[in-house]
Amino acid sequence: MKIALVIVDAWFLYDWPLAAIEKFGESPVPNWPEGVRKNIKHFGDFLSYVCDVEREKGTTIIHSLGNTTNEFLKFANENASAVKVKDGDTIAASDTIGRAIAATRPDKVFWGGFHFGKCIHAHSNRAY
């Protein structure tokens, strides 16, 4: 059985380099307060561990970021996520997640990440 795991909205935690700010504006991703950054870091570490375990089982990992700008995703690449992106993973924007999932031809799709009840549901609805 082919499985895909979609990780939603695991945004980058640190300050963006000047080149990113010049190209995409002052805040290409949310500017989290310090307390929220700590929580995101811990949850991001946990999700990175889950992804590692799932990769070993053959699960396809798809990172679905909230930004719908593919140009930004190409620029940011794996640096856009608090979850470690590794070779073989797919990075998609919320407006392309359906095509990214379909390209892997999974039998089952599991969803995880940030903002359950909001972003995860929004991304899954867009994919549907």
Protein backbone atom coordinates (compact mmCIF):
# COMPACT_ATOMS: atom_id res chain seq x y z
CA MET A 1 0.00 0.00 0.00
CA LYS A 2 1.37 3.38 -1.00
CA ILE A 3 0.99 6.07 1.66
CA ALA A 4 1.48 9.85 1.57
CA LEU A 5 1.87 12.06 4.65
CA VAL A 6 1.08 15.73 4.15
CA ILE A 7 2.64 18.16 6.64
CA VAL A 8 0.83 21.52 6.64
CA ASP A 9 2.17 24.98 7.55
CA ALA A 10 5.43 24.12 9.30
CA TRP A 11 6.80 27.61 8.65
CA PHE A 12 10.40 28.68 9.06
CA LEU A 13 11.22 29.97 12.56
CA TYR A 14 14.09 32.37 12.08
CA ASP A 15 14.73 35.70 10.42
CA TRP A 16 14.82 35.74 6.65
CA PRO A 17 17.98 36.83 4.83
CA LEU A 18 17.98 40.30 3.33
CA ALA A 19 17.62 38.86 -0.21
CA ALA A 20 14.31 37.21 0.74
CA ILE A 21 12.98 40.37 2.35
CA GLU A 22 13.92 42.46 -0.70
CA LYS A 23 12.26 39.98 -3.05
CA PHE A 24 9.12 39.03 -1.10
CA GLY A 25 8.56 41.82 1.40
CA GLU A 26 9.18 42.28 5.09
CA SER A 27 7.23 39.24 6.19
CA PRO A 28 7.09 36.42 3.61
CA VAL A 29 6.01 34.08 6.43
CA PRO A 30 4.41 34.76 9.83
CA ASN A 31 6.56 36.62 12.34
CA TRP A 32 5.85 34.45 15.38
CA PRO A 33 6.35 35.77 18.94
CA GLU A 34 9.18 34.06 20.86
CA GLY A 35 6.87 31.80 22.90
CA VAL A 36 5.13 30.54 19.78
CA ARG A 37 8.50 29.95 18.10
CA LYS A 38 9.54 27.68 20.96
CA ASN A 39 6.34 25.65 20.64
CA ILE A 40 6.75 25.44 16.86
CA LYS A 41 10.36 24.33 17.28
CA HIS A 42 9.40 21.46 19.60
CA PHE A 43 6.46 20.36 17.47
CA GLY A 44 8.60 20.73 14.32
CA ASP A 45 11.26 18.46 15.86
CA PHE A 46 8.57 15.89 16.67
CA LEU A 47 7.13 16.06 13.14
CA SER A 48 10.66 15.71 11.70
CA TYR A 49 11.04 12.52 13.74
CA VAL A 50 7.67 11.21 12.53
CA CYS A 51 8.66 11.96 8.93
CA ASP A 52 11.96 10.09 9.38
CA VAL A 53 10.12 7.02 10.72
CA GLU A 54 7.59 7.19 7.88
CA ARG A 55 10.26 7.65 5.18
CA GLU A 56 11.88 4.40 6.39
CA LYS A 57 8.51 2.69 5.82
CA GLY A 58 8.34 4.06 2.28
CA THR A 59 5.82 6.81 2.97
CA THR A 60 5.97 9.82 0.64
CA ILE A 61 6.28 13.09 2.59
CA ILE A 62 4.61 16.16 1.11
CA HIS A 63 5.15 19.58 2.71
CA SER A 64 2.19 21.85 2.04
CA LEU A 65 2.99 25.44 2.93
CA GLY A 66 0.24 28.02 3.20
CA ASN A 67 1.77 30.40 0.72
CA THR A 68 0.27 30.05 -2.74
CA THR A 69 3.23 31.69 -4.46
CA ASN A 70 5.26 29.02 -6.22
CA GLU A 71 8.04 31.53 -6.88
CA PHE A 72 8.48 31.95 -3.13
CA LEU A 73 8.57 28.19 -2.60
CA LYS A 74 11.26 27.76 -5.25
CA PHE A 75 13.29 30.50 -3.57
CA ALA A 76 12.80 29.15 -0.06
CA ASN A 77 13.09 25.44 -0.91
CA GLU A 78 13.68 23.33 2.21
CA ASN A 79 14.57 26.43 4.23
CA ALA A 80 10.88 27.36 4.40
CA SER A 81 9.93 24.66 6.90
CA ALA A 82 10.44 24.04 10.62
CA VAL A 83 10.19 20.35 9.67
CA LYS A 84 13.28 18.90 7.99
CA VAL A 85 12.76 18.50 4.27
CA LYS A 86 14.81 15.67 2.80
CA ASP A 87 15.58 14.28 -0.63
CA GLY A 88 12.54 12.63 -2.12
CA ASP A 89 10.07 14.89 -0.28
CA THR A 90 7.72 17.13 -2.21
CA ILE A 91 7.16 20.82 -1.43
CA ALA A 92 3.84 22.24 -2.58
CA ALA A 93 1.86 25.41 -2.10
CA SER A 94 -1.67 25.19 -0.78
CA ASP A 95 -3.02 25.84 -4.27
CA THR A 96 -1.02 22.96 -5.81
CA ILE A 97 -1.35 20.36 -3.06
CA GLY A 98 -4.00 18.34 -4.88
CA ARG A 99 -1.76 17.88 -7.93
CA ALA A 100 1.22 17.06 -5.70
CA ILE A 101 -0.72 14.32 -3.92
CA ALA A 102 -2.15 12.93 -7.17
CA ALA A 103 1.35 12.73 -8.66
CA THR A 104 2.38 10.26 -5.94
CA ARG A 105 -0.68 8.03 -6.64
CA PRO A 106 -1.16 7.06 -2.98
CA ASP A 107 -3.67 4.52 -1.69
CA LYS A 108 -4.02 6.52 1.55
CA VAL A 109 -3.22 10.10 2.54
CA PHE A 110 -2.61 11.18 6.12
CA TRP A 111 -2.53 14.81 7.25
CA GLY A 112 -0.58 16.46 10.05
CA GLY A 113 1.05 19.74 10.86
CA PHE A 114 -0.07 23.04 12.23
CA HIS A 115 -3.47 24.62 12.83
CA PHE A 116 -5.77 21.59 12.98
CA GLY A 117 -9.32 22.76 12.33
CA LYS A 118 -8.11 25.60 10.16
CA CYS A 119 -5.11 25.19 7.86
CA ILE A 120 -5.04 21.38 7.76
CA HIS A 121 -8.72 21.32 6.85
CA ALA A 122 -8.29 24.14 4.34
CA HIS A 123 -5.42 22.36 2.58
CA SER A 124 -7.27 19.04 2.52
CA ASN A 125 -10.38 20.76 1.11
CA ARG A 126 -8.29 22.40 -1.61
CA ALA A 127 -6.69 19.04 -2.40
CA TYR A 128 -10.10 17.42 -2.67
